[in-house]
């Protein structure tokens, strides 16, 4: 049983703030990262309460780790709500094959799509869509109106934490991010991501199939890698999370270090040593076999 919380408290307490979100994801998210959208619909009032509580949150007073955790959790909760909104607006029953066949990148929303349209949340006095949360705040790309809310130093690990609701997206996890567990979970996410044969798959000894997230956000991974004293770019950074005690892991690591550092993104797109792939089908629990 999920109990609704009072939204009157002004002081930030992570345990209380994430209580509803923890209960929801423990109930409706599987260890595989797939989501029970029918279950979330039944608890929509509670999901709305968690999301709406951010309007009263004194976000600008939080430290960097607290801000990062808030933004990741809010993004993931809002994406689930956006899916439910879009299905309702387009009269798509969650029980139908039509819902299971949805591809996230093709879903329209008022004003655009699920990321940049008019499905928004409030964080303090700012009305934000998902692109605002990810790009303006988490990636720190926004203009001056967001200066007090931005994460100061871009952390490329956010790309394996925010969940776009597609099967190829790194999975949503069954516990809320907090300032205390953030570092450990982000590192664990990265290790699971790069060591996964589905995300980084050897097609042949000379070609590696890689999740398209690495291509889309290549500069985030590459710039961060180059900022580290012992790395030359994205390849070294990603390879640092690979288990090289296995032969397959050692080969993947070597391939990334040799061919993914300090690249021109346009040339990388057509590099035969890499194939970038992404499954956009919705990450509903009934599609788990497609993971």
C-alpha atoms as a PDB file:
ATOM      1  CA  UNK A   1       0.000   0.000   0.000  1.00  0.00           C
ATOM      2  CA  UNK A   2       1.299   3.463  -0.938  1.00  0.00           C
ATOM      3  CA  UNK A   3       0.505   6.306   1.443  1.00  0.00           C
ATOM      4  CA  UNK A   4       0.293   9.865   0.144  1.00  0.00           C
ATOM      5  CA  UNK A   5       2.656  12.353   1.759  1.00  0.00           C
ATOM      6  CA  UNK A   6       2.016  15.919   2.782  1.00  0.00           C
ATOM      7  CA  UNK A   7       3.525  18.446   0.376  1.00  0.00           C
ATOM      8  CA  UNK A   8       3.666  21.255   2.931  1.00  0.00           C
ATOM      9  CA  UNK A   9       7.187  20.601   4.188  1.00  0.00           C
ATOM     10  CA  UNK A  10       9.619  23.217   2.941  1.00  0.00           C
ATOM     11  CA  UNK A  11      12.900  21.778   4.239  1.00  0.00           C
ATOM     12  CA  UNK A  12      14.594  19.310   1.906  1.00  0.00           C
ATOM     13  CA  UNK A  13      14.818  15.826   3.324  1.00  0.00           C
ATOM     14  CA  UNK A  14      15.934  13.255   0.757  1.00  0.00           C
ATOM     15  CA  UNK A  15      14.376  10.280   2.534  1.00  0.00           C
ATOM     16  CA  UNK A  16      10.981  11.949   2.692  1.00  0.00           C
ATOM     17  CA  UNK A  17      11.225  13.595  -0.714  1.00  0.00           C
ATOM     18  CA  UNK A  18      11.909  10.284  -2.503  1.00  0.00           C
ATOM     19  CA  UNK A  19       9.605   8.097  -0.446  1.00  0.00           C
ATOM     20  CA  UNK A  20       6.810   8.151  -3.013  1.00  0.00           C
ATOM     21  CA  UNK A  21       9.180   7.689  -5.950  1.00  0.00           C
ATOM     22  CA  UNK A  22      10.918   4.763  -4.256  1.00  0.00           C
ATOM     23  CA  UNK A  23       7.600   3.086  -3.560  1.00  0.00           C
ATOM     24  CA  UNK A  24       6.432   3.600  -7.142  1.00  0.00           C
ATOM     25  CA  UNK A  25       9.547   2.261  -8.848  1.00  0.00           C
ATOM     26  CA  UNK A  26       9.883  -0.656  -6.451  1.00  0.00           C
ATOM     27  CA  UNK A  27       6.304  -1.580  -7.346  1.00  0.00           C
ATOM     28  CA  UNK A  28       6.234  -0.871 -11.085  1.00  0.00           C
ATOM     29  CA  UNK A  29       9.810  -1.218 -12.411  1.00  0.00           C
ATOM     30  CA  UNK A  30      11.456  -4.597 -12.938  1.00  0.00           C
ATOM     31  CA  UNK A  31      15.129  -5.395 -12.382  1.00  0.00           C
ATOM     32  CA  UNK A  32      15.529  -5.499 -16.161  1.00  0.00           C
ATOM     33  CA  UNK A  33      14.584  -1.814 -16.242  1.00  0.00           C
ATOM     34  CA  UNK A  34      11.281  -2.429 -18.001  1.00  0.00           C
ATOM     35  CA  UNK A  35       8.222  -0.585 -16.738  1.00  0.00           C
ATOM     36  CA  UNK A  36       4.697  -1.647 -15.831  1.00  0.00           C
ATOM     37  CA  UNK A  37       2.831   1.265 -17.410  1.00  0.00           C
ATOM     38  CA  UNK A  38      -0.561  -0.218 -16.574  1.00  0.00           C
ATOM     39  CA  UNK A  39       0.490  -0.269 -12.931  1.00  0.00           C
ATOM     40  CA  UNK A  40       1.775   3.301 -13.069  1.00  0.00           C
ATOM     41  CA  UNK A  41      -1.556   4.420 -14.553  1.00  0.00           C
ATOM     42  CA  UNK A  42      -3.328   2.935 -11.556  1.00  0.00           C
ATOM     43  CA  UNK A  43      -1.045   4.992  -9.292  1.00  0.00           C
ATOM     44  CA  UNK A  44      -1.136   8.133 -11.453  1.00  0.00           C
ATOM     45  CA  UNK A  45      -2.367  10.299  -8.572  1.00  0.00           C
ATOM     46  CA  UNK A  46       0.715   9.354  -6.565  1.00  0.00           C
ATOM     47  CA  UNK A  47       3.052   9.883  -9.513  1.00  0.00           C
ATOM     48  CA  UNK A  48       1.510  13.323 -10.019  1.00  0.00           C
ATOM     49  CA  UNK A  49       1.985  14.154  -6.358  1.00  0.00           C
ATOM     50  CA  UNK A  50       5.669  13.270  -6.487  1.00  0.00           C
ATOM     51  CA  UNK A  51       6.232  15.334  -9.639  1.00  0.00           C
ATOM     52  CA  UNK A  52       4.158  18.278  -8.384  1.00  0.00           C
ATOM     53  CA  UNK A  53       6.086  18.362  -5.092  1.00  0.00           C
ATOM     54  CA  UNK A  54       9.047  19.843  -6.995  1.00  0.00           C
ATOM     55  CA  UNK A  55       7.222  23.143  -7.329  1.00  0.00           C
ATOM     56  CA  UNK A  56       7.731  23.709  -3.587  1.00  0.00           C
ATOM     57  CA  UNK A  57      11.252  22.315  -3.492  1.00  0.00           C
ATOM     58  CA  UNK A  58      13.944  24.937  -2.798  1.00  0.00           C
ATOM     59  CA  UNK A  59      16.080  23.525  -5.569  1.00  0.00           C
ATOM     60  CA  UNK A  60      18.515  26.423  -5.905  1.00  0.00           C
ATOM     61  CA  UNK A  61      19.532  25.933  -2.257  1.00  0.00           C
ATOM     62  CA  UNK A  62      20.704  22.366  -2.838  1.00  0.00           C
ATOM     63  CA  UNK A  63      24.295  21.248  -3.370  1.00  0.00           C
ATOM     64  CA  UNK A  64      25.503  19.794  -6.670  1.00  0.00           C
ATOM     65  CA  UNK A  65      24.930  16.145  -5.816  1.00  0.00           C
ATOM     66  CA  UNK A  66      21.466  16.831  -4.457  1.00  0.00           C
ATOM     67  CA  UNK A  67      20.591  18.815  -7.581  1.00  0.00           C
ATOM     68  CA  UNK A  68      21.851  16.078  -9.882  1.00  0.00           C
ATOM     69  CA  UNK A  69      19.820  13.424  -8.055  1.00  0.00           C
ATOM     70  CA  UNK A  70      16.687  15.581  -8.101  1.00  0.00           C
ATOM     71  CA  UNK A  71      16.978  16.220 -11.835  1.00  0.00           C
ATOM     72  CA  UNK A  72      17.559  12.566 -12.739  1.00  0.00           C
ATOM     73  CA  UNK A  73      14.624  11.335 -10.650  1.00  0.00           C
ATOM     74  CA  UNK A  74      12.356  14.107 -11.897  1.00  0.00           C
ATOM     75  CA  UNK A  75      13.257  13.387 -15.525  1.00  0.00           C
ATOM     76  CA  UNK A  76      12.532   9.676 -15.151  1.00  0.00           C
ATOM     77  CA  UNK A  77       9.222  10.263 -13.371  1.00  0.00           C
ATOM     78  CA  UNK A  78       8.146  12.904 -15.884  1.00  0.00           C
ATOM     79  CA  UNK A  79       8.973  10.660 -18.842  1.00  0.00           C
ATOM     80  CA  UNK A  80       6.698   7.941 -17.471  1.00  0.00           C
ATOM     81  CA  UNK A  81       3.925  10.490 -16.976  1.00  0.00           C
ATOM     82  CA  UNK A  82       4.495  11.839 -20.501  1.00  0.00           C
ATOM     83  CA  UNK A  83       4.003   8.341 -21.916  1.00  0.00           C
ATOM     84  CA  UNK A  84       0.740   7.981 -20.015  1.00  0.00           C
ATOM     85  CA  UNK A  85      -0.387  11.455 -21.147  1.00  0.00           C
ATOM     86  CA  UNK A  86       0.416  10.774 -24.777  1.00  0.00           C
ATOM     87  CA  UNK A  87      -1.456   7.448 -24.711  1.00  0.00           C
ATOM     88  CA  UNK A  88      -4.505   9.154 -23.182  1.00  0.00           C
ATOM     89  CA  UNK A  89      -4.393  12.109 -25.589  1.00  0.00           C
ATOM     90  CA  UNK A  90      -4.153   9.776 -28.583  1.00  0.00           C
ATOM     91  CA  UNK A  91      -6.746   7.293 -27.282  1.00  0.00           C
ATOM     92  CA  UNK A  92      -4.245   4.430 -27.173  1.00  0.00           C
ATOM     93  CA  UNK A  93      -5.203   1.780 -24.639  1.00  0.00           C
ATOM     94  CA  UNK A  94      -2.292   0.601 -22.520  1.00  0.00           C
ATOM     95  CA  UNK A  95      -3.560  -2.973 -22.868  1.00  0.00           C
ATOM     96  CA  UNK A  96      -3.420  -2.892 -26.667  1.00  0.00           C
ATOM     97  CA  UNK A  97      -0.744  -4.054 -29.130  1.00  0.00           C
ATOM     98  CA  UNK A  98      -0.721  -0.480 -30.474  1.00  0.00           C
ATOM     99  CA  UNK A  99       0.743   0.727 -27.182  1.00  0.00           C
ATOM    100  CA  UNK A 100       3.394  -2.007 -27.136  1.00  0.00           C
ATOM    101  CA  UNK A 101       4.367  -1.152 -30.714  1.00  0.00           C
ATOM    102  CA  UNK A 102       4.959   2.525 -29.914  1.00  0.00           C
ATOM    103  CA  UNK A 103       8.384   3.868 -30.785  1.00  0.00           C
ATOM    104  CA  UNK A 104       9.305   6.635 -28.390  1.00  0.00           C
ATOM    105  CA  UNK A 105      10.938   8.893 -30.966  1.00  0.00           C
ATOM    106  CA  UNK A 106       7.787   8.954 -33.088  1.00  0.00           C
ATOM    107  CA  UNK A 107       5.300   9.886 -30.345  1.00  0.00           C
ATOM    108  CA  UNK A 108       3.940  13.379 -30.799  1.00  0.00           C
ATOM    109  CA  UNK A 109       2.940  15.714 -27.989  1.00  0.00           C
ATOM    110  CA  UNK A 110       1.402  19.199 -28.054  1.00  0.00           C
ATOM    111  CA  UNK A 111       4.092  21.584 -29.278  1.00  0.00           C
ATOM    112  CA  UNK A 112       6.502  18.870 -30.428  1.00  0.00           C
ATOM    113  CA  UNK A 113       7.448  15.509 -28.947  1.00  0.00           C
ATOM    114  CA  UNK A 114       7.831  13.938 -25.496  1.00  0.00           C
ATOM    115  CA  UNK A 115      11.081  15.825 -24.892  1.00  0.00           C
ATOM    116  CA  UNK A 116      10.565  19.300 -26.308  1.00  0.00           C
ATOM    117  CA  UNK A 117       6.786  19.709 -26.363  1.00  0.00           C
ATOM    118  CA  UNK A 118       4.331  21.213 -23.904  1.00  0.00           C
ATOM    119  CA  UNK A 119       4.270  18.330 -21.431  1.00  0.00           C
ATOM    120  CA  UNK A 120       6.008  20.147 -18.590  1.00  0.00           C
ATOM    121  CA  UNK A 121       6.794  20.076 -14.882  1.00  0.00           C
ATOM    122  CA  UNK A 122       7.571  22.806 -12.385  1.00  0.00           C
ATOM    123  CA  UNK A 123      10.866  22.990 -10.526  1.00  0.00           C
ATOM    124  CA  UNK A 124      10.563  25.915  -8.152  1.00  0.00           C
ATOM    125  CA  UNK A 125       9.151  28.675 -10.373  1.00  0.00           C
ATOM    126  CA  UNK A 126      10.542  27.282 -13.650  1.00  0.00           C
ATOM    127  CA  UNK A 127       8.275  25.402 -16.039  1.00  0.00           C
ATOM    128  CA  UNK A 128      10.424  22.781 -17.745  1.00  0.00           C
ATOM    129  CA  UNK A 129      10.115  20.104 -20.388  1.00  0.00           C
ATOM    130  CA  UNK A 130      12.410  17.090 -20.518  1.00  0.00           C
ATOM    131  CA  UNK A 131      14.901  18.786 -22.836  1.00  0.00           C
ATOM    132  CA  UNK A 132      15.180  21.648 -20.351  1.00  0.00           C
ATOM    133  CA  UNK A 133      15.961  19.189 -17.558  1.00  0.00           C
ATOM    134  CA  UNK A 134      18.512  17.195 -19.529  1.00  0.00           C
ATOM    135  CA  UNK A 135      20.231  19.775 -21.700  1.00  0.00           C
ATOM    136  CA  UNK A 136      19.779  23.113 -19.935  1.00  0.00           C
ATOM    137  CA  UNK A 137      20.270  21.865 -16.380  1.00  0.00           C
ATOM    138  CA  UNK A 138      22.010  18.463 -16.253  1.00  0.00           C
ATOM    139  CA  UNK A 139      24.286  19.213 -19.207  1.00  0.00           C
ATOM    140  CA  UNK A 140      24.531  22.909 -18.265  1.00  0.00           C
ATOM    141  CA  UNK A 141      23.771  24.149 -21.787  1.00  0.00           C
ATOM    142  CA  UNK A 142      20.970  26.567 -20.901  1.00  0.00           C
ATOM    143  CA  UNK A 143      21.124  30.359 -21.040  1.00  0.00           C
ATOM    144  CA  UNK A 144      21.447  32.735 -18.068  1.00  0.00           C
ATOM    145  CA  UNK A 145      17.909  32.174 -16.797  1.00  0.00           C
ATOM    146  CA  UNK A 146      19.074  28.743 -15.615  1.00  0.00           C
ATOM    147  CA  UNK A 147      22.381  29.779 -14.029  1.00  0.00           C
ATOM    148  CA  UNK A 148      21.279  29.062 -10.444  1.00  0.00           C
ATOM    149  CA  UNK A 149      19.846  25.696 -11.409  1.00  0.00           C
ATOM    150  CA  UNK A 150      22.519  24.268 -13.714  1.00  0.00           C
ATOM    151  CA  UNK A 151      24.903  21.500 -12.807  1.00  0.00           C
ATOM    152  CA  UNK A 152      28.262  23.263 -12.923  1.00  0.00           C
ATOM    153  CA  UNK A 153      30.379  20.423 -14.305  1.00  0.00           C
ATOM    154  CA  UNK A 154      28.929  18.098 -16.910  1.00  0.00           C
ATOM    155  CA  UNK A 155      29.007  14.456 -15.853  1.00  0.00           C
ATOM    156  CA  UNK A 156      28.649  12.123 -18.880  1.00  0.00           C
ATOM    157  CA  UNK A 157      27.339   9.387 -16.598  1.00  0.00           C
ATOM    158  CA  UNK A 158      23.966  11.158 -16.615  1.00  0.00           C
ATOM    159  CA  UNK A 159      23.397   9.543 -20.017  1.00  0.00           C
ATOM    160  CA  UNK A 160      23.098   6.144 -18.346  1.00  0.00           C
ATOM    161  CA  UNK A 161      20.777   7.525 -15.657  1.00  0.00           C
ATOM    162  CA  UNK A 162      18.064   9.551 -17.416  1.00  0.00           C
ATOM    163  CA  UNK A 163      15.689   7.099 -19.064  1.00  0.00           C
ATOM    164  CA  UNK A 164      13.958   7.884 -22.374  1.00  0.00           C
ATOM    165  CA  UNK A 165      11.534   4.933 -22.089  1.00  0.00           C
ATOM    166  CA  UNK A 166      12.987   3.044 -25.078  1.00  0.00           C
ATOM    167  CA  UNK A 167      14.331  -0.506 -24.933  1.00  0.00           C
ATOM    168  CA  UNK A 168      17.880   0.582 -25.812  1.00  0.00           C
ATOM    169  CA  UNK A 169      17.992   3.244 -23.137  1.00  0.00           C
ATOM    170  CA  UNK A 170      20.092   2.267 -20.122  1.00  0.00           C
ATOM    171  CA  UNK A 171      17.515   0.888 -17.697  1.00  0.00           C
ATOM    172  CA  UNK A 172      15.642   2.855 -15.106  1.00  0.00           C
ATOM    173  CA  UNK A 173      16.642   1.503 -11.702  1.00  0.00           C
ATOM    174  CA  UNK A 174      14.464   0.434  -8.795  1.00  0.00           C
ATOM    175  CA  UNK A 175      15.783   2.914  -6.261  1.00  0.00           C
ATOM    176  CA  UNK A 176      15.826   6.690  -6.208  1.00  0.00           C
ATOM    177  CA  UNK A 177      19.089   8.525  -6.801  1.00  0.00           C
ATOM    178  CA  UNK A 178      20.230  10.482  -3.751  1.00  0.00           C
ATOM    179  CA  UNK A 179      23.279  12.554  -2.925  1.00  0.00           C
ATOM    180  CA  UNK A 180      24.594   9.610  -0.906  1.00  0.00           C
ATOM    181  CA  UNK A 181      24.191   6.815  -3.473  1.00  0.00           C
ATOM    182  CA  UNK A 182      24.752   8.904  -6.603  1.00  0.00           C
ATOM    183  CA  UNK A 183      28.443   8.176  -7.237  1.00  0.00           C
ATOM    184  CA  UNK A 184      28.177   4.453  -6.615  1.00  0.00           C
ATOM    185  CA  UNK A 185      25.066   3.980  -8.742  1.00  0.00           C
ATOM    186  CA  UNK A 186      26.304   6.093 -11.651  1.00  0.00           C
ATOM    187  CA  UNK A 187      29.519   4.087 -11.751  1.00  0.00           C
ATOM    188  CA  UNK A 188      27.577   0.829 -11.527  1.00  0.00           C
ATOM    189  CA  UNK A 189      25.295   2.003 -14.360  1.00  0.00           C
ATOM    190  CA  UNK A 190      28.318   2.756 -16.533  1.00  0.00           C
ATOM    191  CA  UNK A 191      29.872  -0.631 -15.852  1.00  0.00           C
ATOM    192  CA  UNK A 192      26.662  -2.468 -16.689  1.00  0.00           C
ATOM    193  CA  UNK A 193      26.225  -0.348 -19.829  1.00  0.00           C
ATOM    194  CA  UNK A 194      29.653  -0.795 -21.399  1.00  0.00           C
ATOM    195  CA  UNK A 195      29.967  -4.452 -20.380  1.00  0.00           C
ATOM    196  CA  UNK A 196      26.589  -5.350 -21.856  1.00  0.00           C
ATOM    197  CA  UNK A 197      26.827  -7.347 -25.086  1.00  0.00           C
ATOM    198  CA  UNK A 198      23.584  -5.720 -26.213  1.00  0.00           C
ATOM    199  CA  UNK A 199      24.921  -2.187 -25.772  1.00  0.00           C
ATOM    200  CA  UNK A 200      28.522  -2.855 -26.903  1.00  0.00           C
ATOM    201  CA  UNK A 201      28.471  -5.876 -29.200  1.00  0.00           C
ATOM    202  CA  UNK A 202      31.324  -7.366 -31.201  1.00  0.00           C
ATOM    203  CA  UNK A 203      30.054  -7.818 -34.743  1.00  0.00           C
ATOM    204  CA  UNK A 204      33.487  -8.947 -35.900  1.00  0.00           C
ATOM    205  CA  UNK A 205      37.120  -8.576 -34.797  1.00  0.00           C
ATOM    206  CA  UNK A 206      37.164  -5.194 -36.568  1.00  0.00           C
ATOM    207  CA  UNK A 207      33.662  -3.826 -35.914  1.00  0.00           C
ATOM    208  CA  UNK A 208      31.884  -2.939 -32.679  1.00  0.00           C
ATOM    209  CA  UNK A 209      28.144  -2.262 -32.474  1.00  0.00           C
ATOM    210  CA  UNK A 210      27.613   0.546 -29.979  1.00  0.00           C
ATOM    211  CA  UNK A 211      24.532   2.117 -28.417  1.00  0.00           C
ATOM    212  CA  UNK A 212      23.724   5.329 -30.315  1.00  0.00           C
ATOM    213  CA  UNK A 213      23.852   7.324 -27.077  1.00  0.00           C
ATOM    214  CA  UNK A 214      27.625   7.280 -27.458  1.00  0.00           C
ATOM    215  CA  UNK A 215      27.335   8.862 -30.902  1.00  0.00           C
ATOM    216  CA  UNK A 216      24.648  11.420 -29.986  1.00  0.00           C
ATOM    217  CA  UNK A 217      26.545  12.633 -26.926  1.00  0.00           C
ATOM    218  CA  UNK A 218      30.029  11.864 -28.141  1.00  0.00           C
ATOM    219  CA  UNK A 219      31.399  15.290 -27.183  1.00  0.00           C
ATOM    220  CA  UNK A 220      30.254  14.832 -23.570  1.00  0.00           C
ATOM    221  CA  UNK A 221      32.171  11.569 -23.227  1.00  0.00           C
ATOM    222  CA  UNK A 222      35.167  12.749 -25.251  1.00  0.00           C
ATOM    223  CA  UNK A 223      35.604  16.130 -23.568  1.00  0.00           C
ATOM    224  CA  UNK A 224      35.330  14.562 -20.143  1.00  0.00           C
ATOM    225  CA  UNK A 225      37.846  11.883 -21.083  1.00  0.00           C
ATOM    226  CA  UNK A 226      40.293  14.466 -22.378  1.00  0.00           C
ATOM    227  CA  UNK A 227      39.921  16.415 -19.119  1.00  0.00           C
ATOM    228  CA  UNK A 228      41.336  13.443 -17.178  1.00  0.00           C
ATOM    229  CA  UNK A 229      45.111  13.330 -16.811  1.00  0.00           C
ATOM    230  CA  UNK A 230      45.495   9.711 -17.951  1.00  0.00           C
ATOM    231  CA  UNK A 231      42.966   9.691 -20.800  1.00  0.00           C
ATOM    232  CA  UNK A 232      42.853  10.890 -24.404  1.00  0.00           C
ATOM    233  CA  UNK A 233      39.109  10.962 -24.947  1.00  0.00           C
ATOM    234  CA  UNK A 234      35.857   9.024 -25.109  1.00  0.00           C
ATOM    235  CA  UNK A 235      37.473   5.684 -25.908  1.00  0.00           C
ATOM    236  CA  UNK A 236      39.726   5.743 -22.861  1.00  0.00           C
ATOM    237  CA  UNK A 237      36.894   6.962 -20.648  1.00  0.00           C
ATOM    238  CA  UNK A 238      34.431   4.256 -21.702  1.00  0.00           C
ATOM    239  CA  UNK A 239      37.125   1.571 -21.610  1.00  0.00           C
ATOM    240  CA  UNK A 240      37.842   2.453 -17.976  1.00  0.00           C
ATOM    241  CA  UNK A 241      34.506   0.846 -17.016  1.00  0.00           C
ATOM    242  CA  UNK A 242      35.064  -2.396 -18.944  1.00  0.00           C
ATOM    243  CA  UNK A 243      35.961  -5.647 -17.217  1.00  0.00           C
ATOM    244  CA  UNK A 244      39.179  -6.546 -19.021  1.00  0.00           C
ATOM    245  CA  UNK A 245      39.661  -9.818 -17.140  1.00  0.00           C
ATOM    246  CA  UNK A 246      37.608 -11.526 -19.875  1.00  0.00           C
ATOM    247  CA  UNK A 247      38.899 -11.926 -23.423  1.00  0.00           C
ATOM    248  CA  UNK A 248      35.817 -10.254 -24.840  1.00  0.00           C
ATOM    249  CA  UNK A 249      36.154  -7.322 -22.465  1.00  0.00           C
ATOM    250  CA  UNK A 250      39.831  -6.926 -23.264  1.00  0.00           C
ATOM    251  CA  UNK A 251      39.046  -6.819 -26.998  1.00  0.00           C
ATOM    252  CA  UNK A 252      36.291  -4.238 -26.524  1.00  0.00           C
ATOM    253  CA  UNK A 253      38.562  -2.093 -24.387  1.00  0.00           C
ATOM    254  CA  UNK A 254      41.353  -2.220 -26.936  1.00  0.00           C
ATOM    255  CA  UNK A 255      38.981  -1.349 -29.791  1.00  0.00           C
ATOM    256  CA  UNK A 256      37.574   1.677 -27.952  1.00  0.00           C
ATOM    257  CA  UNK A 257      40.990   2.967 -26.921  1.00  0.00           C
ATOM    258  CA  UNK A 258      42.355   2.637 -30.438  1.00  0.00           C
ATOM    259  CA  UNK A 259      39.456   4.070 -32.398  1.00  0.00           C
ATOM    260  CA  UNK A 260      37.140   6.252 -30.266  1.00  0.00           C
ATOM    261  CA  UNK A 261      39.385   8.961 -28.798  1.00  0.00           C
ATOM    262  CA  UNK A 262      39.264  12.538 -30.094  1.00  0.00           C
ATOM    263  CA  UNK A 263      37.201  11.854 -33.210  1.00  0.00           C
ATOM    264  CA  UNK A 264      35.363  14.057 -35.672  1.00  0.00           C
ATOM    265  CA  UNK A 265      31.711  13.143 -35.129  1.00  0.00           C
ATOM    266  CA  UNK A 266      30.772  13.274 -38.821  1.00  0.00           C
ATOM    267  CA  UNK A 267      33.651  10.963 -39.759  1.00  0.00           C
ATOM    268  CA  UNK A 268      32.816   8.702 -36.819  1.00  0.00           C
ATOM    269  CA  UNK A 269      29.281   8.263 -38.144  1.00  0.00           C
ATOM    270  CA  UNK A 270      30.620   6.557 -41.265  1.00  0.00           C
ATOM    271  CA  UNK A 271      33.558   4.756 -39.659  1.00  0.00           C
ATOM    272  CA  UNK A 272      33.248   1.039 -40.584  1.00  0.00           C
ATOM    273  CA  UNK A 273      34.840   0.093 -37.267  1.00  0.00           C
ATOM    274  CA  UNK A 274      31.643   1.170 -35.482  1.00  0.00           C
ATOM    275  CA  UNK A 275      27.949   0.572 -36.021  1.00  0.00           C
ATOM    276  CA  UNK A 276      25.581   2.683 -33.930  1.00  0.00           C
ATOM    277  CA  UNK A 277      22.203   1.185 -33.120  1.00  0.00           C
ATOM    278  CA  UNK A 278      19.150   2.017 -30.997  1.00  0.00           C
ATOM    279  CA  UNK A 279      15.838   0.234 -30.340  1.00  0.00           C
ATOM    280  CA  UNK A 280      13.101   2.828 -29.873  1.00  0.00           C
ATOM    281  CA  UNK A 281      10.293   0.430 -28.918  1.00  0.00           C
ATOM    282  CA  UNK A 282       8.689   1.288 -25.580  1.00  0.00           C
ATOM    283  CA  UNK A 283      10.279  -0.354 -22.530  1.00  0.00           C
ATOM    284  CA  UNK A 284       7.050  -1.881 -21.239  1.00  0.00           C
ATOM    285  CA  UNK A 285       7.433  -5.089 -19.199  1.00  0.00           C
ATOM    286  CA  UNK A 286       5.552  -6.941 -21.963  1.00  0.00           C
ATOM    287  CA  UNK A 287       8.352  -6.026 -24.375  1.00  0.00           C
ATOM    288  CA  UNK A 288      11.063  -7.289 -22.012  1.00  0.00           C
ATOM    289  CA  UNK A 289      11.972 -10.123 -24.383  1.00  0.00           C
ATOM    290  CA  UNK A 290      13.197  -7.497 -26.861  1.00  0.00           C
ATOM    291  CA  UNK A 291      15.822  -6.077 -24.495  1.00  0.00           C
END
